[in-house]
Amino acid sequence: MYEKIISLLQYGKENAIPKAILAARLGVTTREAQRIVNQARIAGYIILSDTEKGGYYLSKDIYEIKEFYRWMVKRQSTTSKVLKNVRKMLKESDNQCEGQLSFEDVENFNV
């Protein structure tokens, strides 16, 4: 499946393919297309995304990869901050929710 995605994508941010079009070409939902792209990224394929106009593409140069990397680091940092606040609230709520799953139960749950 990864090779099919790579064959559908084009080089350069200006040629980014919107998620809906990629999904249609793959014969899947947009959510499934996003999941497949993320799995391909984890497998080592460098698939970039345009956060302004939307869409996925392959890098035509190192500058596009650097831009994407900076965006992902910023996203990771923001997500970490949000999770820190949610974690704090869940720990505080453990004392108030008798009979419910504890925060530790939730945190140790494997999805």
PDB file of N, CA and C in Angstrom:
ATOM      1  N   MET A   1       0.826  -1.205   0.000  1.00  0.00           N
ATOM      2  CA  MET A   1       0.000   0.000   0.000  1.00  0.00           C
ATOM      3  C   MET A   1       0.864   1.261   0.000  1.00  0.00           C
ATOM      4  N   TYR A   2       1.997   1.226   0.695  1.00  0.00           N
ATOM      5  CA  TYR A   2       2.858   2.416   0.755  1.00  0.00           C
ATOM      6  C   TYR A   2       3.370   2.804  -0.629  1.00  0.00           C
ATOM      7  N   GLU A   3       3.744   1.813  -1.414  1.00  0.00           N
ATOM      8  CA  GLU A   3       4.250   2.105  -2.750  1.00  0.00           C
ATOM      9  C   GLU A   3       3.169   2.766  -3.607  1.00  0.00           C
ATOM     10  N   LYS A   4       1.921   2.365  -3.394  1.00  0.00           N
ATOM     11  CA  LYS A   4       0.826   2.976  -4.147  1.00  0.00           C
ATOM     12  C   LYS A   4       0.692   4.452  -3.775  1.00  0.00           C
ATOM     13  N   ILE A   5       0.776   4.762  -2.488  1.00  0.00           N
ATOM     14  CA  ILE A   5       0.700   6.171  -2.062  1.00  0.00           C
ATOM     15  C   ILE A   5       1.837   6.958  -2.691  1.00  0.00           C
ATOM     16  N   ILE A   6       3.041   6.424  -2.609  1.00  0.00           N
ATOM     17  CA  ILE A   6       4.207   7.118  -3.166  1.00  0.00           C
ATOM     18  C   ILE A   6       4.010   7.359  -4.663  1.00  0.00           C
ATOM     19  N   SER A   7       3.444   6.391  -5.355  1.00  0.00           N
ATOM     20  CA  SER A   7       3.244   6.556  -6.800  1.00  0.00           C
ATOM     21  C   SER A   7       2.187   7.617  -7.122  1.00  0.00           C
ATOM     22  N   LEU A   8       1.272   7.870  -6.193  1.00  0.00           N
ATOM     23  CA  LEU A   8       0.222   8.865  -6.417  1.00  0.00           C
ATOM     24  C   LEU A   8       0.667  10.287  -6.074  1.00  0.00           C
ATOM     25  N   LEU A   9       1.649  10.400  -5.184  1.00  0.00           N
ATOM     26  CA  LEU A   9       2.096  11.725  -4.749  1.00  0.00           C
ATOM     27  C   LEU A   9       3.061  12.334  -5.752  1.00  0.00           C
ATOM     28  N   GLN A  10       3.105  13.661  -5.742  1.00  0.00           N
ATOM     29  CA  GLN A  10       3.999  14.385  -6.636  1.00  0.00           C
ATOM     30  C   GLN A  10       5.046  15.127  -5.816  1.00  0.00           C
ATOM     31  N   TYR A  11       6.085  15.585  -6.483  1.00  0.00           N
ATOM     32  CA  TYR A  11       7.169  16.302  -5.817  1.00  0.00           C
ATOM     33  C   TYR A  11       6.860  17.792  -5.744  1.00  0.00           C
ATOM     34  N   GLY A  12       7.122  18.368  -4.573  1.00  0.00           N
ATOM     35  CA  GLY A  12       6.983  19.803  -4.384  1.00  0.00           C
ATOM     36  C   GLY A  12       5.675  20.194  -3.717  1.00  0.00           C
ATOM     37  N   LYS A  13       5.781  21.145  -2.786  1.00  0.00           N
ATOM     38  CA  LYS A  13       4.627  21.637  -2.043  1.00  0.00           C
ATOM     39  C   LYS A  13       3.539  22.164  -2.974  1.00  0.00           C
ATOM     40  N   GLU A  14       3.966  22.793  -4.062  1.00  0.00           N
ATOM     41  CA  GLU A  14       2.998  23.358  -5.012  1.00  0.00           C
ATOM     42  C   GLU A  14       2.171  22.278  -5.709  1.00  0.00           C
ATOM     43  N   ASN A  15       2.585  21.024  -5.606  1.00  0.00           N
ATOM     44  CA  ASN A  15       1.880  19.902  -6.233  1.00  0.00           C
ATOM     45  C   ASN A  15       1.198  18.991  -5.211  1.00  0.00           C
ATOM     46  N   ALA A  16       1.013  19.501  -3.994  1.00  0.00           N
ATOM     47  CA  ALA A  16       0.391  18.698  -2.938  1.00  0.00           C
ATOM     48  C   ALA A  16      -0.992  18.211  -3.376  1.00  0.00           C
ATOM     49  N   ILE A  17      -1.288  16.963  -3.043  1.00  0.00           N
ATOM     50  CA  ILE A  17      -2.572  16.348  -3.393  1.00  0.00           C
ATOM     51  C   ILE A  17      -3.466  16.369  -2.154  1.00  0.00           C
ATOM     52  N   PRO A  18      -4.636  17.004  -2.249  1.00  0.00           N
ATOM     53  CA  PRO A  18      -5.547  17.054  -1.103  1.00  0.00           C
ATOM     54  C   PRO A  18      -5.905  15.655  -0.596  1.00  0.00           C
ATOM     55  N   LYS A  19      -6.130  15.583   0.701  1.00  0.00           N
ATOM     56  CA  LYS A  19      -6.443  14.307   1.346  1.00  0.00           C
ATOM     57  C   LYS A  19      -7.656  13.630   0.706  1.00  0.00           C
ATOM     58  N   ALA A  20      -8.687  14.398   0.366  1.00  0.00           N
ATOM     59  CA  ALA A  20      -9.895  13.813  -0.229  1.00  0.00           C
ATOM     60  C   ALA A  20      -9.601  13.181  -1.589  1.00  0.00           C
ATOM     61  N   ILE A  21      -8.760  13.820  -2.370  1.00  0.00           N
ATOM     62  CA  ILE A  21      -8.405  13.265  -3.685  1.00  0.00           C
ATOM     63  C   ILE A  21      -7.547  12.015  -3.514  1.00  0.00           C
ATOM     64  N   LEU A  22      -6.588  12.064  -2.595  1.00  0.00           N
ATOM     65  CA  LEU A  22      -5.753  10.890  -2.328  1.00  0.00           C
ATOM     66  C   LEU A  22      -6.622   9.723  -1.867  1.00  0.00           C
ATOM     67  N   ALA A  23      -7.566  10.007  -0.969  1.00  0.00           N
ATOM     68  CA  ALA A  23      -8.458   8.957  -0.469  1.00  0.00           C
ATOM     69  C   ALA A  23      -9.265   8.341  -1.610  1.00  0.00           C
ATOM     70  N   ALA A  24      -9.783   9.181  -2.484  1.00  0.00           N
ATOM     71  CA  ALA A  24     -10.571   8.673  -3.620  1.00  0.00           C
ATOM     72  C   ALA A  24      -9.717   7.792  -4.525  1.00  0.00           C
ATOM     73  N   ARG A  25      -8.490   8.200  -4.770  1.00  0.00           N
ATOM     74  CA  ARG A  25      -7.603   7.405  -5.632  1.00  0.00           C
ATOM     75  C   ARG A  25      -7.205   6.084  -4.983  1.00  0.00           C
ATOM     76  N   LEU A  26      -7.173   6.077  -3.649  1.00  0.00           N
ATOM     77  CA  LEU A  26      -6.848   4.844  -2.924  1.00  0.00           C
ATOM     78  C   LEU A  26      -8.087   3.986  -2.681  1.00  0.00           C
ATOM     79  N   GLY A  27      -9.267   4.580  -2.841  1.00  0.00           N
ATOM     80  CA  GLY A  27     -10.510   3.858  -2.594  1.00  0.00           C
ATOM     81  C   GLY A  27     -10.813   3.690  -1.120  1.00  0.00           C
ATOM     82  N   VAL A  28     -10.421   4.688  -0.310  1.00  0.00           N
ATOM     83  CA  VAL A  28     -10.639   4.637   1.134  1.00  0.00           C
ATOM     84  C   VAL A  28     -11.244   5.966   1.596  1.00  0.00           C
ATOM     85  N   THR A  29     -11.618   6.035   2.875  1.00  0.00           N
ATOM     86  CA  THR A  29     -12.108   7.291   3.443  1.00  0.00           C
ATOM     87  C   THR A  29     -10.935   8.239   3.674  1.00  0.00           C
ATOM     88  N   THR A  30     -11.238   9.512   3.892  1.00  0.00           N
ATOM     89  CA  THR A  30     -10.158  10.473   4.160  1.00  0.00           C
ATOM     90  C   THR A  30      -9.448  10.131   5.462  1.00  0.00           C
ATOM     91  N   ARG A  31     -10.193   9.665   6.441  1.00  0.00           N
ATOM     92  CA  ARG A  31      -9.577   9.273   7.720  1.00  0.00           C
ATOM     93  C   ARG A  31      -8.623   8.097   7.513  1.00  0.00           C
ATOM     94  N   GLU A  32      -9.042   7.134   6.708  1.00  0.00           N
ATOM     95  CA  GLU A  32      -8.192   5.972   6.421  1.00  0.00           C
ATOM     96  C   GLU A  32      -6.952   6.397   5.632  1.00  0.00           C
ATOM     97  N   ALA A  33      -7.115   7.332   4.702  1.00  0.00           N
ATOM     98  CA  ALA A  33      -5.964   7.830   3.940  1.00  0.00           C
ATOM     99  C   ALA A  33      -4.950   8.478   4.880  1.00  0.00           C
ATOM    100  N   GLN A  34      -5.443   9.264   5.827  1.00  0.00           N
ATOM    101  CA  GLN A  34      -4.556   9.908   6.799  1.00  0.00           C
ATOM    102  C   GLN A  34      -3.823   8.858   7.637  1.00  0.00           C
ATOM    103  N   ARG A  35      -4.540   7.820   8.044  1.00  0.00           N
ATOM    104  CA  ARG A  35      -3.928   6.745   8.835  1.00  0.00           C
ATOM    105  C   ARG A  35      -2.847   6.030   8.030  1.00  0.00           C
ATOM    106  N   ILE A  36      -3.114   5.764   6.760  1.00  0.00           N
ATOM    107  CA  ILE A  36      -2.137   5.089   5.903  1.00  0.00           C
ATOM    108  C   ILE A  36      -0.897   5.959   5.710  1.00  0.00           C
ATOM    109  N   VAL A  37      -1.100   7.254   5.498  1.00  0.00           N
ATOM    110  CA  VAL A  37       0.040   8.171   5.358  1.00  0.00           C
ATOM    111  C   VAL A  37       0.875   8.154   6.633  1.00  0.00           C
ATOM    112  N   ASN A  38       0.230   8.214   7.785  1.00  0.00           N
ATOM    113  CA  ASN A  38       0.979   8.187   9.045  1.00  0.00           C
ATOM    114  C   ASN A  38       1.743   6.879   9.217  1.00  0.00           C
ATOM    115  N   GLN A  39       1.135   5.770   8.836  1.00  0.00           N
ATOM    116  CA  GLN A  39       1.833   4.485   8.917  1.00  0.00           C
ATOM    117  C   GLN A  39       3.027   4.456   7.969  1.00  0.00           C
ATOM    118  N   ALA A  40       2.869   5.012   6.787  1.00  0.00           N
ATOM    119  CA  ALA A  40       3.980   5.072   5.827  1.00  0.00           C
ATOM    120  C   ALA A  40       5.111   5.926   6.385  1.00  0.00           C
ATOM    121  N   ARG A  41       4.759   7.025   7.034  1.00  0.00           N
ATOM    122  CA  ARG A  41       5.777   7.877   7.658  1.00  0.00           C
ATOM    123  C   ARG A  41       6.539   7.110   8.732  1.00  0.00           C
ATOM    124  N   ILE A  42       5.810   6.381   9.550  1.00  0.00           N
ATOM    125  CA  ILE A  42       6.449   5.586  10.606  1.00  0.00           C
ATOM    126  C   ILE A  42       7.354   4.524   9.992  1.00  0.00           C
ATOM    127  N   ALA A  43       6.957   3.984   8.846  1.00  0.00           N
ATOM    128  CA  ALA A  43       7.754   2.965   8.152  1.00  0.00           C
ATOM    129  C   ALA A  43       8.993   3.553   7.474  1.00  0.00           C
ATOM    130  N   GLY A  44       9.108   4.889   7.473  1.00  0.00           N
ATOM    131  CA  GLY A  44      10.309   5.513   6.935  1.00  0.00           C
ATOM    132  C   GLY A  44      10.137   6.322   5.665  1.00  0.00           C
ATOM    133  N   TYR A  45       8.933   6.350   5.121  1.00  0.00           N
ATOM    134  CA  TYR A  45       8.682   7.165   3.929  1.00  0.00           C
ATOM    135  C   TYR A  45       8.535   8.626   4.349  1.00  0.00           C
ATOM    136  N   ILE A  46       9.202   9.523   3.639  1.00  0.00           N
ATOM    137  CA  ILE A  46       9.131  10.947   3.955  1.00  0.00           C
ATOM    138  C   ILE A  46       8.013  11.559   3.113  1.00  0.00           C
ATOM    139  N   ILE A  47       6.830  11.588   3.712  1.00  0.00           N
ATOM    140  CA  ILE A  47       5.662  12.181   3.069  1.00  0.00           C
ATOM    141  C   ILE A  47       5.373  13.480   3.811  1.00  0.00           C
ATOM    142  N   LEU A  48       5.424  14.574   3.081  1.00  0.00           N
ATOM    143  CA  LEU A  48       5.213  15.880   3.680  1.00  0.00           C
ATOM    144  C   LEU A  48       3.760  16.296   3.514  1.00  0.00           C
ATOM    145  N   SER A  49       3.342  17.261   4.324  1.00  0.00           N
ATOM    146  CA  SER A  49       1.989  17.787   4.180  1.00  0.00           C
ATOM    147  C   SER A  49       2.025  19.303   4.212  1.00  0.00           C
ATOM    148  N   ASP A  50       1.126  19.890   3.445  1.00  0.00           N
ATOM    149  CA  ASP A  50       0.992  21.340   3.367  1.00  0.00           C
ATOM    150  C   ASP A  50      -0.120  21.745   4.321  1.00  0.00           C
ATOM    151  N   THR A  51       0.239  22.424   5.409  1.00  0.00           N
ATOM    152  CA  THR A  51      -0.751  22.795   6.413  1.00  0.00           C
ATOM    153  C   THR A  51      -1.552  24.024   6.013  1.00  0.00           C
ATOM    154  N   GLU A  52      -1.083  24.774   5.048  1.00  0.00           N
ATOM    155  CA  GLU A  52      -1.801  25.979   4.617  1.00  0.00           C
ATOM    156  C   GLU A  52      -2.906  25.641   3.618  1.00  0.00           C
ATOM    157  N   LYS A  53      -2.551  25.000   2.533  1.00  0.00           N
ATOM    158  CA  LYS A  53      -3.522  24.655   1.489  1.00  0.00           C
ATOM    159  C   LYS A  53      -4.060  23.244   1.659  1.00  0.00           C
ATOM    160  N   GLY A  54      -3.373  22.438   2.441  1.00  0.00           N
ATOM    161  CA  GLY A  54      -3.766  21.052   2.624  1.00  0.00           C
ATOM    162  C   GLY A  54      -3.183  20.170   1.533  1.00  0.00           C
ATOM    163  N   GLY A  55      -2.985  18.933   1.858  1.00  0.00           N
ATOM    164  CA  GLY A  55      -2.497  17.985   0.871  1.00  0.00           C
ATOM    165  C   GLY A  55      -1.151  17.384   1.228  1.00  0.00           C
ATOM    166  N   TYR A  56      -0.864  16.270   0.589  1.00  0.00           N
ATOM    167  CA  TYR A  56       0.375  15.525   0.806  1.00  0.00           C
ATOM    168  C   TYR A  56       1.243  15.600  -0.438  1.00  0.00           C
ATOM    169  N   TYR A  57       2.552  15.552  -0.223  1.00  0.00           N
ATOM    170  CA  TYR A  57       3.493  15.611  -1.342  1.00  0.00           C
ATOM    171  C   TYR A  57       4.834  15.026  -0.928  1.00  0.00           C
ATOM    172  N   LEU A  58       5.679  14.796  -1.922  1.00  0.00           N
ATOM    173  CA  LEU A  58       7.045  14.333  -1.693  1.00  0.00           C
ATOM    174  C   LEU A  58       7.977  15.530  -1.818  1.00  0.00           C
ATOM    175  N   SER A  59       9.085  15.474  -1.128  1.00  0.00           N
ATOM    176  CA  SER A  59      10.016  16.599  -1.125  1.00  0.00           C
ATOM    177  C   SER A  59      10.775  16.711  -2.433  1.00  0.00           C
ATOM    178  N   LYS A  60      10.880  17.942  -2.918  1.00  0.00           N
ATOM    179  CA  LYS A  60      11.716  18.180  -4.093  1.00  0.00           C
ATOM    180  C   LYS A  60      13.086  18.707  -3.675  1.00  0.00           C
ATOM    181  N   ASP A  61      13.213  19.113  -2.394  1.00  0.00           N
ATOM    182  CA  ASP A  61      14.508  19.587  -1.899  1.00  0.00           C
ATOM    183  C   ASP A  61      14.552  19.519  -0.373  1.00  0.00           C
ATOM    184  N   ILE A  62      15.731  19.692   0.169  1.00  0.00           N
ATOM    185  CA  ILE A  62      15.956  19.571   1.612  1.00  0.00           C
ATOM    186  C   ILE A  62      15.235  20.671   2.389  1.00  0.00           C
ATOM    187  N   TYR A  63      14.993  21.812   1.770  1.00  0.00           N
ATOM    188  CA  TYR A  63      14.326  22.915   2.463  1.00  0.00           C
ATOM    189  C   TYR A  63      12.881  22.573   2.811  1.00  0.00           C
ATOM    190  N   GLU A  64      12.211  21.849   1.937  1.00  0.00           N
ATOM    191  CA  GLU A  64      10.850  21.414   2.238  1.00  0.00           C
ATOM    192  C   GLU A  64      10.843  20.439   3.412  1.00  0.00           C
ATOM    193  N   ILE A  65      11.826  19.565   3.458  1.00  0.00           N
ATOM    194  CA  ILE A  65      11.919  18.620   4.575  1.00  0.00           C
ATOM    195  C   ILE A  65      12.186  19.367   5.869  1.00  0.00           C
ATOM    196  N   LYS A  66      13.069  20.354   5.841  1.00  0.00           N
ATOM    197  CA  LYS A  66      13.367  21.144   7.046  1.00  0.00           C
ATOM    198  C   LYS A  66      12.128  21.899   7.528  1.00  0.00           C
ATOM    199  N   GLU A  67      11.384  22.482   6.604  1.00  0.00           N
ATOM    200  CA  GLU A  67      10.159  23.207   6.961  1.00  0.00           C
ATOM    201  C   GLU A  67       9.153  22.261   7.617  1.00  0.00           C
ATOM    202  N   PHE A  68       8.984  21.077   7.022  1.00  0.00           N
ATOM    203  CA  PHE A  68       8.064  20.081   7.566  1.00  0.00           C
ATOM    204  C   PHE A  68       8.532  19.622   8.945  1.00  0.00           C
ATOM    205  N   TYR A  69       9.824  19.411   9.103  1.00  0.00           N
ATOM    206  CA  TYR A  69      10.385  18.982  10.384  1.00  0.00           C
ATOM    207  C   TYR A  69      10.084  20.017  11.469  1.00  0.00           C
ATOM    208  N   ARG A  70      10.319  21.288  11.161  1.00  0.00           N
ATOM    209  CA  ARG A  70      10.055  22.350  12.146  1.00  0.00           C
ATOM    210  C   ARG A  70       8.578  22.369  12.534  1.00  0.00           C
ATOM    211  N   TRP A  71       7.706  22.193  11.552  1.00  0.00           N
ATOM    212  CA  TRP A  71       6.278  22.176  11.836  1.00  0.00           C
ATOM    213  C   TRP A  71       5.912  20.996  12.740  1.00  0.00           C
ATOM    214  N   MET A  72       6.468  19.821  12.470  1.00  0.00           N
ATOM    215  CA  MET A  72       6.178  18.638  13.286  1.00  0.00           C
ATOM    216  C   MET A  72       6.689  18.800  14.714  1.00  0.00           C
ATOM    217  N   VAL A  73       7.869  19.397  14.880  1.00  0.00           N
ATOM    218  CA  VAL A  73       8.413  19.629  16.224  1.00  0.00           C
ATOM    219  C   VAL A  73       7.504  20.587  16.989  1.00  0.00           C
ATOM    220  N   LYS A  74       7.057  21.646  16.327  1.00  0.00           N
ATOM    221  CA  LYS A  74       6.157  22.610  16.972  1.00  0.00           C
ATOM    222  C   LYS A  74       4.850  21.925  17.366  1.00  0.00           C
ATOM    223  N   ARG A  75       4.328  21.103  16.483  1.00  0.00           N
ATOM    224  CA  ARG A  75       3.091  20.364  16.758  1.00  0.00           C
ATOM    225  C   ARG A  75       3.276  19.426  17.952  1.00  0.00           C
ATOM    226  N   GLN A  76       4.419  18.748  17.983  1.00  0.00           N
ATOM    227  CA  GLN A  76       4.714  17.838  19.089  1.00  0.00           C
ATOM    228  C   GLN A  76       4.786  18.605  20.400  1.00  0.00           C
ATOM    229  N   SER A  77       5.423  19.755  20.385  1.00  0.00           N
ATOM    230  CA  SER A  77       5.551  20.576  21.583  1.00  0.00           C
ATOM    231  C   SER A  77       4.180  21.026  22.077  1.00  0.00           C
ATOM    232  N   THR A  78       3.340  21.475  21.158  1.00  0.00           N
ATOM    233  CA  THR A  78       1.996  21.917  21.525  1.00  0.00           C
ATOM    234  C   THR A  78       1.187  20.757  22.090  1.00  0.00           C
ATOM    235  N   THR A  79       1.250  19.606  21.445  1.00  0.00           N
ATOM    236  CA  THR A  79       0.530  18.427  21.916  1.00  0.00           C
ATOM    237  C   THR A  79       0.997  18.025  23.304  1.00  0.00           C
ATOM    238  N   SER A  80       2.295  18.072  23.558  1.00  0.00           N
ATOM    239  CA  SER A  80       2.840  17.725  24.872  1.00  0.00           C
ATOM    240  C   SER A  80       2.305  18.652  25.954  1.00  0.00           C
ATOM    241  N   LYS A  81       2.213  19.938  25.643  1.00  0.00           N
ATOM    242  CA  LYS A  81       1.691  20.905  26.619  1.00  0.00           C
ATOM    243  C   LYS A  81       0.219  20.640  26.917  1.00  0.00           C
ATOM    244  N   VAL A  82      -0.552  20.344  25.892  1.00  0.00           N
ATOM    245  CA  VAL A  82      -1.968  20.036  26.084  1.00  0.00           C
ATOM    246  C   VAL A  82      -2.117  18.780  26.934  1.00  0.00           C
ATOM    247  N   LEU A  83      -1.348  17.738  26.610  1.00  0.00           N
ATOM    248  CA  LEU A  83      -1.426  16.486  27.370  1.00  0.00           C
ATOM    249  C   LEU A  83      -1.026  16.679  28.824  1.00  0.00           C
ATOM    250  N   LYS A  84      -0.071  17.539  29.076  1.00  0.00           N
ATOM    251  CA  LYS A  84       0.352  17.824  30.450  1.00  0.00           C
ATOM    252  C   LYS A  84      -0.824  18.381  31.252  1.00  0.00           C
ATOM    253  N   ASN A  85      -1.567  19.314  30.673  1.00  0.00           N
ATOM    254  CA  ASN A  85      -2.720  19.890  31.366  1.00  0.00           C
ATOM    255  C   ASN A  85      -3.842  18.877  31.546  1.00  0.00           C
ATOM    256  N   VAL A  86      -4.083  18.057  30.536  1.00  0.00           N
ATOM    257  CA  VAL A  86      -5.116  17.029  30.643  1.00  0.00           C
ATOM    258  C   VAL A  86      -4.727  16.010  31.710  1.00  0.00           C
ATOM    259  N   ARG A  87      -3.453  15.600  31.716  1.00  0.00           N
ATOM    260  CA  ARG A  87      -2.955  14.652  32.714  1.00  0.00           C
ATOM    261  C   ARG A  87      -3.158  15.203  34.123  1.00  0.00           C
ATOM    262  N   LYS A  88      -2.864  16.476  34.315  1.00  0.00           N
ATOM    263  CA  LYS A  88      -3.024  17.117  35.627  1.00  0.00           C
ATOM    264  C   LYS A  88      -4.486  17.078  36.059  1.00  0.00           C
ATOM    265  N   MET A  89      -5.387  17.425  35.159  1.00  0.00           N
ATOM    266  CA  MET A  89      -6.808  17.409  35.471  1.00  0.00           C
ATOM    267  C   MET A  89      -7.286  16.000  35.806  1.00  0.00           C
ATOM    268  N   LEU A  90      -6.818  15.010  35.060  1.00  0.00           N
ATOM    269  CA  LEU A  90      -7.224  13.631  35.325  1.00  0.00           C
ATOM    270  C   LEU A  90      -6.727  13.152  36.682  1.00  0.00           C
ATOM    271  N   LYS A  91      -5.507  13.503  37.031  1.00  0.00           N
ATOM    272  CA  LYS A  91      -4.983  13.108  38.341  1.00  0.00           C
ATOM    273  C   LYS A  91      -5.791  13.748  39.455  1.00  0.00           C
ATOM    274  N   GLU A  92      -6.141  15.017  39.277  1.00  0.00           N
ATOM    275  CA  GLU A  92      -6.938  15.713  40.287  1.00  0.00           C
ATOM    276  C   GLU A  92      -8.337  15.124  40.388  1.00  0.00           C
ATOM    277  N   SER A  93      -8.883  14.667  39.287  1.00  0.00           N
ATOM    278  CA  SER A  93     -10.243  14.134  39.287  1.00  0.00           C
ATOM    279  C   SER A  93     -10.308  12.721  39.854  1.00  0.00           C
ATOM    280  N   ASP A  94      -9.180  12.017  39.931  1.00  0.00           N
ATOM    281  CA  ASP A  94      -9.185  10.653  40.470  1.00  0.00           C
ATOM    282  C   ASP A  94      -9.758  10.610  41.877  1.00  0.00           C
ATOM    283  N   ASN A  95      -9.494  11.627  42.661  1.00  0.00           N
ATOM    284  CA  ASN A  95      -9.979  11.666  44.040  1.00  0.00           C
ATOM    285  C   ASN A  95     -11.478  11.934  44.102  1.00  0.00           C
ATOM    286  N   GLN A  96     -12.059  12.471  43.047  1.00  0.00           N
ATOM    287  CA  GLN A  96     -13.461  12.865  43.060  1.00  0.00           C
ATOM    288  C   GLN A  96     -14.370  11.845  42.383  1.00  0.00           C
ATOM    289  N   CYS A  97     -13.828  10.887  41.693  1.00  0.00           N
ATOM    290  CA  CYS A  97     -14.628   9.951  40.884  1.00  0.00           C
ATOM    291  C   CYS A  97     -14.534   8.538  41.438  1.00  0.00           C
ATOM    292  N   GLU A  98     -15.172   8.310  42.561  1.00  0.00           N
ATOM    293  CA  GLU A  98     -15.133   6.993  43.181  1.00  0.00           C
ATOM    294  C   GLU A  98     -15.800   5.964  42.272  1.00  0.00           C
ATOM    295  N   GLY A  99     -15.167   4.830  42.098  1.00  0.00           N
ATOM    296  CA  GLY A  99     -15.708   3.762  41.277  1.00  0.00           C
ATOM    297  C   GLY A  99     -15.377   3.872  39.801  1.00  0.00           C
ATOM    298  N   GLN A 100     -14.703   4.925  39.398  1.00  0.00           N
ATOM    299  CA  GLN A 100     -14.330   5.122  38.006  1.00  0.00           C
ATOM    300  C   GLN A 100     -12.895   4.656  37.792  1.00  0.00           C
ATOM    301  N   LEU A 101     -12.494   4.523  36.544  1.00  0.00           N
ATOM    302  CA  LEU A 101     -11.101   4.211  36.238  1.00  0.00           C
ATOM    303  C   LEU A 101     -10.211   5.321  36.765  1.00  0.00           C
ATOM    304  N   SER A 102      -9.087   4.945  37.335  1.00  0.00           N
ATOM    305  CA  SER A 102      -8.137   5.957  37.795  1.00  0.00           C
ATOM    306  C   SER A 102      -7.322   6.460  36.615  1.00  0.00           C
ATOM    307  N   PHE A 103      -6.649   7.583  36.819  1.00  0.00           N
ATOM    308  CA  PHE A 103      -5.792   8.129  35.773  1.00  0.00           C
ATOM    309  C   PHE A 103      -4.720   7.117  35.401  1.00  0.00           C
ATOM    310  N   GLU A 104      -4.143   6.432  36.386  1.00  0.00           N
ATOM    311  CA  GLU A 104      -3.105   5.444  36.100  1.00  0.00           C
ATOM    312  C   GLU A 104      -3.655   4.318  35.229  1.00  0.00           C
ATOM    313  N   ASP A 105      -4.921   3.918  35.470  1.00  0.00           N
ATOM    314  CA  ASP A 105      -5.546   2.896  34.627  1.00  0.00           C
ATOM    315  C   ASP A 105      -5.634   3.370  33.181  1.00  0.00           C
ATOM    316  N   VAL A 106      -6.051   4.622  33.013  1.00  0.00           N
ATOM    317  CA  VAL A 106      -6.192   5.190  31.671  1.00  0.00           C
ATOM    318  C   VAL A 106      -4.832   5.348  31.015  1.00  0.00           C
ATOM    319  N   GLU A 107      -3.852   5.871  31.758  1.00  0.00           N
ATOM    320  CA  GLU A 107      -2.523   6.122  31.200  1.00  0.00           C
ATOM    321  C   GLU A 107      -1.829   4.830  30.782  1.00  0.00           C
ATOM    322  N   ASN A 108      -2.098   3.729  31.484  1.00  0.00           N
ATOM    323  CA  ASN A 108      -1.449   2.455  31.175  1.00  0.00           C
ATOM    324  C   ASN A 108      -2.230   1.620  30.163  1.00  0.00           C
ATOM    325  N   PHE A 109      -3.378   2.125  29.719  1.00  0.00           N
ATOM    326  CA  PHE A 109      -4.202   1.412  28.745  1.00  0.00           C
ATOM    327  C   PHE A 109      -3.557   1.500  27.374  1.00  0.00           C
ATOM    328  N   ASN A 110      -3.375   0.377  26.726  1.00  0.00           N
ATOM    329  CA  ASN A 110      -2.796   0.338  25.377  1.00  0.00           C
ATOM    330  C   ASN A 110      -3.904   0.353  24.348  1.00  0.00           C
ATOM    331  N   VAL A 111      -3.827   1.301  23.428  1.00  0.00           N
ATOM    332  CA  VAL A 111      -4.838   1.408  22.367  1.00  0.00           C
ATOM    333  C   VAL A 111      -4.455   0.497  21.233  1.00  0.00           C
TER     334      VAL A 111
END
